[in-house]
């Protein structure tokens, strides 16, 4: 066997040995006599992950600042204090839920003049807990939905508002609770609150709850249709409450852009939504966010060049082209690029033919 073969054989044997070990740190090659430096108390090479951590700590110990450790064994009093502190941080969620549910069963006995703060606090706590999907599902399973009807019908504005907010937290992105909420019959109650409640915040939170139940839940549409929900949302757009306008326009826009949106758009157009939007957009005192959501809704109705919507928008008596041009010019001055882009898209989509005729 020649020298090259011997060298290759030795190298292959070394590699096979190295690969057989589960974890190792390869030592450097032996230096010459002049390069040798003796390191006292060199830690042993590790053979597993725990050993590697220990190796790293011991190897860098000499680099640490030369300070004396102040750690002392913990006395019994300190141990007891820490044990109690950690114990106070551990909460049994189910016990907390049941405690608040027991309290809220008494909502029905509250009179107008009674203090409702502890009940409102309980509803806020439940909303915090049930923002977790697993806790929300457990809340239903322990009978938590039984107090919602009592709270929604309370004489106290704060309780109605916070119970609607709780429903929103329970159902947001949660198909299980969305379905249970629909079957339990809460949709007509919430829609009636959006339409008729005397407290502004209760109306806003009820619309928030409706939106959380409907979005992503195909079965919700039949409940919206059954309880005339589209009329409720269109009336909310005409409301003097800005948040109701914004939230209702946003919800209708999202419905227009979902699967089978053509049926929804057809229904809304037949109900006169485009004429309503044209009238609202013609107003000079619209706030930017409200204007943007109304334009987004108009954009959703005309998506995919939906002919029924385009034909309605082109009605001369609506003066929609002039209105969109005015908003485009205002947004250019105000440097509102979002509104500027929507107006450009709508003008191109709806009135491209008319613009071409003018250019000739």
Protein backbone atom coordinates (compact mmCIF):
# COMPACT_ATOMS: atom_id res chain seq x y z
CA UNK A 1 0.00 0.00 0.00
CA UNK A 2 1.51 3.34 -1.01
CA UNK A 3 1.80 6.39 1.23
CA UNK A 4 -1.16 8.20 -0.34
CA UNK A 5 -3.45 5.23 0.26
CA UNK A 6 -2.32 5.02 3.86
CA UNK A 7 -3.02 8.71 4.34
CA UNK A 8 -6.50 8.42 2.88
CA UNK A 9 -7.26 5.34 4.99
CA UNK A 10 -6.21 7.13 8.13
CA UNK A 11 -8.31 10.17 7.26
CA UNK A 12 -11.42 8.05 6.57
CA UNK A 13 -11.01 6.23 9.86
CA UNK A 14 -10.76 9.53 11.71
CA UNK A 15 -13.96 10.87 10.05
CA UNK A 16 -15.90 7.70 10.82
CA UNK A 17 -14.88 7.93 14.47
CA UNK A 18 -15.86 11.59 14.66
CA UNK A 19 -19.29 11.00 13.07
CA UNK A 20 -20.06 8.18 15.52
CA UNK A 21 -19.99 10.48 18.53
CA UNK A 22 -23.33 12.20 19.31
CA UNK A 23 -21.83 15.53 20.37
CA UNK A 24 -18.22 16.65 20.56
CA UNK A 25 -16.05 19.69 20.36
CA UNK A 26 -13.05 18.98 18.17
CA UNK A 27 -9.77 19.84 19.85
CA UNK A 28 -7.24 21.93 17.96
CA UNK A 29 -4.25 20.22 16.44
CA UNK A 30 -1.21 19.81 18.68
CA UNK A 31 0.88 22.99 18.50
CA UNK A 32 4.63 23.16 18.45
CA UNK A 33 6.56 23.27 21.68
CA UNK A 34 6.99 27.04 21.45
CA UNK A 35 3.21 27.59 21.10
CA UNK A 36 2.07 25.43 24.01
CA UNK A 37 0.20 27.36 26.74
CA UNK A 38 -0.93 25.53 29.84
CA UNK A 39 -4.45 26.46 30.96
CA UNK A 40 -5.07 25.51 34.56
CA UNK A 41 -8.25 23.62 35.52
CA UNK A 42 -9.30 23.10 31.91
CA UNK A 43 -12.90 21.78 31.96
CA UNK A 44 -13.59 18.35 30.53
CA UNK A 45 -15.02 18.17 27.04
CA UNK A 46 -18.81 17.67 27.07
CA UNK A 47 -20.66 14.71 25.62
CA UNK A 48 -24.24 16.11 25.66
CA UNK A 49 -26.14 19.42 25.57
CA UNK A 50 -26.18 19.87 29.33
CA UNK A 51 -22.45 19.22 29.44
CA UNK A 52 -21.89 21.72 26.64
CA UNK A 53 -23.65 24.43 28.65
CA UNK A 54 -21.56 23.64 31.73
CA UNK A 55 -18.41 23.60 29.59
CA UNK A 56 -19.17 27.08 28.21
CA UNK A 57 -19.87 28.52 31.67
CA UNK A 58 -16.69 27.11 33.19
CA UNK A 59 -14.55 28.04 30.21
CA UNK A 60 -15.61 31.70 30.40
CA UNK A 61 -15.57 31.95 34.18
CA UNK A 62 -12.21 33.72 34.13
CA UNK A 63 -13.68 36.46 31.92
CA UNK A 64 -16.39 37.37 34.44
CA UNK A 65 -16.02 40.47 36.60
CA UNK A 66 -14.10 39.67 39.79
CA UNK A 67 -16.99 40.19 42.18
CA UNK A 68 -17.98 38.23 45.22
CA UNK A 69 -21.36 36.56 44.95
CA UNK A 70 -24.00 38.03 47.26
CA UNK A 71 -26.29 35.01 47.09
CA UNK A 72 -27.19 33.47 50.43
CA UNK A 73 -29.44 30.55 51.34
CA UNK A 74 -33.09 31.76 51.56
CA UNK A 75 -34.50 31.88 55.07
CA UNK A 76 -37.89 30.38 55.94
CA UNK A 77 -39.72 33.73 56.06
CA UNK A 78 -38.59 34.63 52.55
CA UNK A 79 -39.59 31.21 51.24
CA UNK A 80 -43.06 31.56 52.76
CA UNK A 81 -43.47 35.04 51.26
CA UNK A 82 -42.53 33.86 47.75
CA UNK A 83 -44.76 30.81 48.05
CA UNK A 84 -47.76 33.02 48.88
CA UNK A 85 -46.89 35.49 46.12
CA UNK A 86 -46.75 32.76 43.47
CA UNK A 87 -49.93 31.22 44.83
CA UNK A 88 -51.77 34.55 44.43
CA UNK A 89 -50.76 34.66 40.76
CA UNK A 90 -52.36 31.29 40.06
CA UNK A 91 -56.02 31.73 39.09
CA UNK A 92 -58.58 29.02 38.50
CA UNK A 93 -60.29 30.45 35.42
CA UNK A 94 -63.37 28.25 35.67
CA UNK A 95 -63.96 29.28 39.27
CA UNK A 96 -63.70 32.95 38.27
CA UNK A 97 -66.16 32.47 35.41
CA UNK A 98 -68.67 30.71 37.63
CA UNK A 99 -68.32 33.34 40.34
CA UNK A 100 -69.19 36.14 37.90
CA UNK A 101 -72.02 34.12 36.35
CA UNK A 102 -73.55 33.60 39.79
CA UNK A 103 -73.41 37.35 40.41
CA UNK A 104 -74.91 38.28 37.03
CA UNK A 105 -77.95 36.09 37.56
CA UNK A 106 -79.15 38.84 39.91
CA UNK A 107 -79.16 41.47 37.13
CA UNK A 108 -82.86 40.87 36.63
CA UNK A 109 -83.58 42.28 40.10
CA UNK A 110 -81.77 45.59 39.50
CA UNK A 111 -83.86 48.75 39.57
CA UNK A 112 -83.09 52.03 37.80
CA UNK A 113 -81.75 53.65 40.95
CA UNK A 114 -79.49 50.72 41.92
CA UNK A 115 -75.74 50.82 41.49
CA UNK A 116 -74.74 48.57 38.58
CA UNK A 117 -70.96 48.99 38.81
CA UNK A 118 -70.17 45.52 40.23
CA UNK A 119 -72.21 43.88 37.47
CA UNK A 120 -70.46 45.93 34.80
CA UNK A 121 -67.10 44.97 36.32
CA UNK A 122 -68.10 41.31 36.14
CA UNK A 123 -69.00 41.66 32.45
CA UNK A 124 -65.65 43.32 31.77
CA UNK A 125 -63.81 40.48 33.50
CA UNK A 126 -65.72 37.91 31.48
CA UNK A 127 -64.88 39.77 28.26
CA UNK A 128 -61.19 39.68 29.20
CA UNK A 129 -61.27 35.95 29.94
CA UNK A 130 -63.31 34.95 26.89
CA UNK A 131 -61.08 36.76 24.41
CA UNK A 132 -59.33 33.37 24.45
CA UNK A 133 -61.17 30.97 22.13
CA UNK A 134 -60.81 28.00 24.47
CA UNK A 135 -62.19 29.94 27.43
CA UNK A 136 -65.03 31.28 25.26
CA UNK A 137 -66.04 27.73 24.33
CA UNK A 138 -65.83 26.64 27.96
CA UNK A 139 -67.98 29.64 28.90
CA UNK A 140 -70.75 28.29 26.68
CA UNK A 141 -70.36 24.75 28.02
CA UNK A 142 -70.84 25.84 31.65
CA UNK A 143 -74.07 27.67 30.76
CA UNK A 144 -72.61 31.16 30.42
CA UNK A 145 -74.95 32.18 27.60
CA UNK A 146 -77.86 32.05 30.06
CA UNK A 147 -76.98 35.45 31.54
CA UNK A 148 -76.61 37.24 28.20
CA UNK A 149 -80.32 37.69 27.56
CA UNK A 150 -80.82 39.05 31.09
CA UNK A 151 -78.02 41.57 30.61
CA UNK A 152 -79.08 42.69 27.13
CA UNK A 153 -82.53 43.51 28.52
CA UNK A 154 -81.24 45.36 31.58
CA UNK A 155 -82.56 48.80 32.49
CA UNK A 156 -78.96 49.96 32.92
CA UNK A 157 -77.18 51.33 29.85
CA UNK A 158 -73.75 50.17 30.99
CA UNK A 159 -74.87 46.58 31.47
CA UNK A 160 -76.48 46.43 28.01
CA UNK A 161 -73.39 47.93 26.43
CA UNK A 162 -70.91 45.65 28.21
CA UNK A 163 -72.97 42.53 27.59
CA UNK A 164 -72.99 43.31 23.85
CA UNK A 165 -69.23 43.76 24.04
CA UNK A 166 -68.96 40.38 25.79
CA UNK A 167 -70.87 38.77 22.90
CA UNK A 168 -68.42 40.35 20.47
CA UNK A 169 -65.46 38.90 22.38
CA UNK A 170 -67.08 35.47 22.54
CA UNK A 171 -67.79 35.27 18.82
CA UNK A 172 -64.89 37.06 17.16
CA UNK A 173 -63.18 34.55 14.83
CA UNK A 174 -64.90 31.74 16.76
CA UNK A 175 -67.21 29.67 14.54
CA UNK A 176 -68.37 27.50 17.47
CA UNK A 177 -69.67 30.44 19.52
CA UNK A 178 -70.98 32.20 16.41
CA UNK A 179 -73.19 29.23 15.62
CA UNK A 180 -74.37 28.84 19.23
CA UNK A 181 -75.17 32.54 19.44
CA UNK A 182 -77.31 32.39 16.29
CA UNK A 183 -79.18 29.27 17.44
CA UNK A 184 -79.78 30.85 20.87
CA UNK A 185 -81.65 33.73 19.19
CA UNK A 186 -79.45 36.72 19.97
CA UNK A 187 -79.33 38.17 16.45
CA UNK A 188 -82.78 39.85 16.53
CA UNK A 189 -82.07 41.26 20.01
CA UNK A 190 -78.79 42.80 18.88
CA UNK A 191 -80.28 44.19 15.66
CA UNK A 192 -83.08 45.80 17.66
CA UNK A 193 -80.48 47.38 19.95
CA UNK A 194 -78.59 48.78 16.94
CA UNK A 195 -81.82 50.27 15.64
CA UNK A 196 -83.61 51.45 18.76
CA UNK A 197 -81.49 51.50 21.93
CA UNK A 198 -81.56 54.86 23.69
CA UNK A 199 -77.88 54.64 24.68
CA UNK A 200 -75.34 55.49 21.97
CA UNK A 201 -72.58 53.22 23.28
CA UNK A 202 -75.00 50.30 23.59
CA UNK A 203 -75.94 50.72 19.91
CA UNK A 204 -72.28 50.82 18.88
CA UNK A 205 -71.39 47.71 20.89
CA UNK A 206 -74.45 45.86 19.59
CA UNK A 207 -73.35 46.57 16.02
CA UNK A 208 -69.85 45.41 16.96
CA UNK A 209 -71.38 42.15 18.23
CA UNK A 210 -73.44 41.68 15.04
CA UNK A 211 -70.31 42.21 12.97
CA UNK A 212 -68.33 39.64 14.98
CA UNK A 213 -71.10 37.05 14.65
CA UNK A 214 -71.62 37.56 10.91
CA UNK A 215 -68.07 37.79 9.58
CA UNK A 216 -66.74 34.43 8.48
CA UNK A 217 -70.02 32.67 9.33
CA UNK A 218 -71.99 31.67 6.20
CA UNK A 219 -75.09 30.64 8.18
CA UNK A 220 -75.41 34.15 9.60
CA UNK A 221 -76.69 35.62 6.33
CA UNK A 222 -80.06 33.88 6.56
CA UNK A 223 -80.51 35.39 10.04
CA UNK A 224 -79.63 38.85 8.69
CA UNK A 225 -82.24 38.43 5.95
CA UNK A 226 -84.88 36.92 8.25
CA UNK A 227 -84.69 39.78 10.76
CA UNK A 228 -84.35 42.57 8.15
CA UNK A 229 -80.75 43.17 9.14
CA UNK A 230 -79.84 44.93 5.88
CA UNK A 231 -82.46 47.61 6.58
CA UNK A 232 -81.05 48.04 10.09
CA UNK A 233 -77.52 48.48 8.72
CA UNK A 234 -78.67 50.95 6.06
CA UNK A 235 -80.43 53.01 8.71
CA UNK A 236 -77.26 52.90 10.82
CA UNK A 237 -75.34 54.41 7.88
CA UNK A 238 -77.77 57.35 7.93
CA UNK A 239 -77.35 57.76 11.69
CA UNK A 240 -75.90 60.91 13.20
CA UNK A 241 -73.55 58.69 15.24
CA UNK A 242 -70.29 58.56 13.30
CA UNK A 243 -69.15 55.19 14.69
CA UNK A 244 -72.43 53.60 13.63
CA UNK A 245 -71.95 54.96 10.12
CA UNK A 246 -68.39 53.66 9.93
CA UNK A 247 -69.07 50.22 11.40
CA UNK A 248 -72.21 49.56 9.35
CA UNK A 249 -70.50 50.65 6.10
CA UNK A 250 -67.51 48.46 6.93
CA UNK A 251 -69.70 45.43 7.63
CA UNK A 252 -71.74 45.82 4.45
CA UNK A 253 -68.55 46.27 2.45
CA UNK A 254 -67.10 43.04 3.85
CA UNK A 255 -70.35 41.21 3.03
CA UNK A 256 -70.22 42.44 -0.57
CA UNK A 257 -66.72 41.03 -0.94
CA UNK A 258 -67.43 37.56 0.43
CA UNK A 259 -68.34 34.41 -1.47
CA UNK A 260 -71.71 34.67 -3.26
CA UNK A 261 -71.54 38.43 -2.78
CA UNK A 262 -73.60 38.97 -5.92
CA UNK A 263 -76.79 37.98 -4.11
CA UNK A 264 -76.05 40.40 -1.28
CA UNK A 265 -75.17 43.22 -3.69
CA UNK A 266 -78.34 42.63 -5.68
CA UNK A 267 -80.44 42.84 -2.52
CA UNK A 268 -78.73 46.03 -1.33
CA UNK A 269 -79.03 47.73 -4.72
CA UNK A 270 -82.74 46.91 -4.91
CA UNK A 271 -83.12 48.42 -1.43
CA UNK A 272 -81.64 51.70 -2.71
CA UNK A 273 -78.22 51.58 -1.07
CA UNK A 274 -76.39 53.22 -3.99
CA UNK A 275 -78.83 56.12 -4.03
CA UNK A 276 -78.35 56.44 -0.26
CA UNK A 277 -74.56 56.45 -0.62
CA UNK A 278 -74.69 59.06 -3.37
CA UNK A 279 -76.75 61.33 -1.11
CA UNK A 280 -74.42 60.88 1.85
CA UNK A 281 -71.28 61.45 -0.21
CA UNK A 282 -72.78 64.67 -1.58
CA UNK A 283 -72.74 66.11 1.95
CA UNK A 284 -69.97 68.60 2.60
CA UNK A 285 -69.42 67.89 6.30
CA UNK A 286 -68.33 64.24 6.11
CA UNK A 287 -65.41 63.27 8.32
CA UNK A 288 -62.49 61.59 6.49
CA UNK A 289 -62.95 58.14 8.05
CA UNK A 290 -66.68 58.12 7.36
CA UNK A 291 -66.08 59.27 3.77
CA UNK A 292 -63.49 56.54 3.24
CA UNK A 293 -65.79 53.77 4.48
CA UNK A 294 -68.70 55.00 2.32
CA UNK A 295 -66.42 55.03 -0.71
CA UNK A 296 -65.15 51.55 0.16
CA UNK A 297 -68.74 50.31 0.30
CA UNK A 298 -69.49 51.84 -3.09
CA UNK A 299 -66.34 50.18 -4.39
CA UNK A 300 -67.47 46.82 -2.97
CA UNK A 301 -70.86 47.12 -4.67
CA UNK A 302 -69.24 47.80 -8.05
CA UNK A 303 -66.49 45.17 -7.75
CA UNK A 304 -66.01 42.84 -10.72
CA UNK A 305 -67.80 45.47 -12.84
CA UNK A 306 -71.12 44.30 -11.45
CA UNK A 307 -73.53 45.59 -14.09
CA UNK A 308 -76.51 46.32 -11.83
CA UNK A 309 -74.32 48.50 -9.60
CA UNK A 310 -72.63 50.29 -12.50
CA UNK A 311 -75.98 51.06 -14.13
CA UNK A 312 -77.35 52.48 -10.87
CA UNK A 313 -74.26 54.61 -10.28
CA UNK A 314 -74.58 56.14 -13.77
CA UNK A 315 -78.05 57.54 -13.16
CA UNK A 316 -77.65 61.26 -14.01
CA UNK A 317 -79.86 62.45 -11.16
CA UNK A 318 -77.44 60.98 -8.59
CA UNK A 319 -74.65 63.32 -9.79
CA UNK A 320 -72.18 60.70 -8.55
CA UNK A 321 -69.47 61.51 -11.07
CA UNK A 322 -69.31 65.17 -9.94
CA UNK A 323 -69.29 64.06 -6.32
CA UNK A 324 -66.38 61.65 -6.86
CA UNK A 325 -64.42 64.32 -8.74
CA UNK A 326 -64.93 66.76 -5.86
CA UNK A 327 -63.71 64.23 -3.30
CA UNK A 328 -60.72 63.44 -5.51
CA UNK A 329 -59.76 67.12 -5.67
CA UNK A 330 -60.21 67.56 -1.92
CA UNK A 331 -58.14 64.49 -1.14
CA UNK A 332 -55.38 65.81 -3.42
CA UNK A 333 -55.26 69.06 -1.48
CA UNK A 334 -55.42 67.21 1.86
CA UNK A 335 -52.87 64.64 0.63
CA UNK A 336 -55.18 61.80 1.60
CA UNK A 337 -53.84 59.11 -0.72
CA UNK A 338 -56.34 56.42 0.36
CA UNK A 339 -59.40 58.45 -0.62
CA UNK A 340 -57.62 59.70 -3.74
CA UNK A 341 -56.95 56.11 -4.88
CA UNK A 342 -60.54 54.96 -4.22
CA UNK A 343 -62.00 57.92 -6.13
CA UNK A 344 -59.66 57.26 -9.06
CA UNK A 345 -60.67 53.59 -9.13
CA UNK A 346 -64.38 54.39 -8.96
CA UNK A 347 -64.21 57.05 -11.67
CA UNK A 348 -62.29 54.72 -13.99
CA UNK A 349 -64.59 51.80 -13.28
CA UNK A 350 -67.95 53.56 -13.49
CA UNK A 351 -67.43 56.50 -15.83
CA UNK A 352 -64.58 55.47 -18.15
CA UNK A 353 -66.89 55.57 -21.18
CA UNK A 354 -68.12 59.07 -20.40
CA UNK A 355 -64.56 60.33 -19.94
CA UNK A 356 -63.62 58.86 -23.32
CA UNK A 357 -66.56 60.63 -24.97
CA UNK A 358 -65.45 63.97 -23.51
CA UNK A 359 -61.90 63.47 -24.78
CA UNK A 360 -63.08 63.03 -28.38
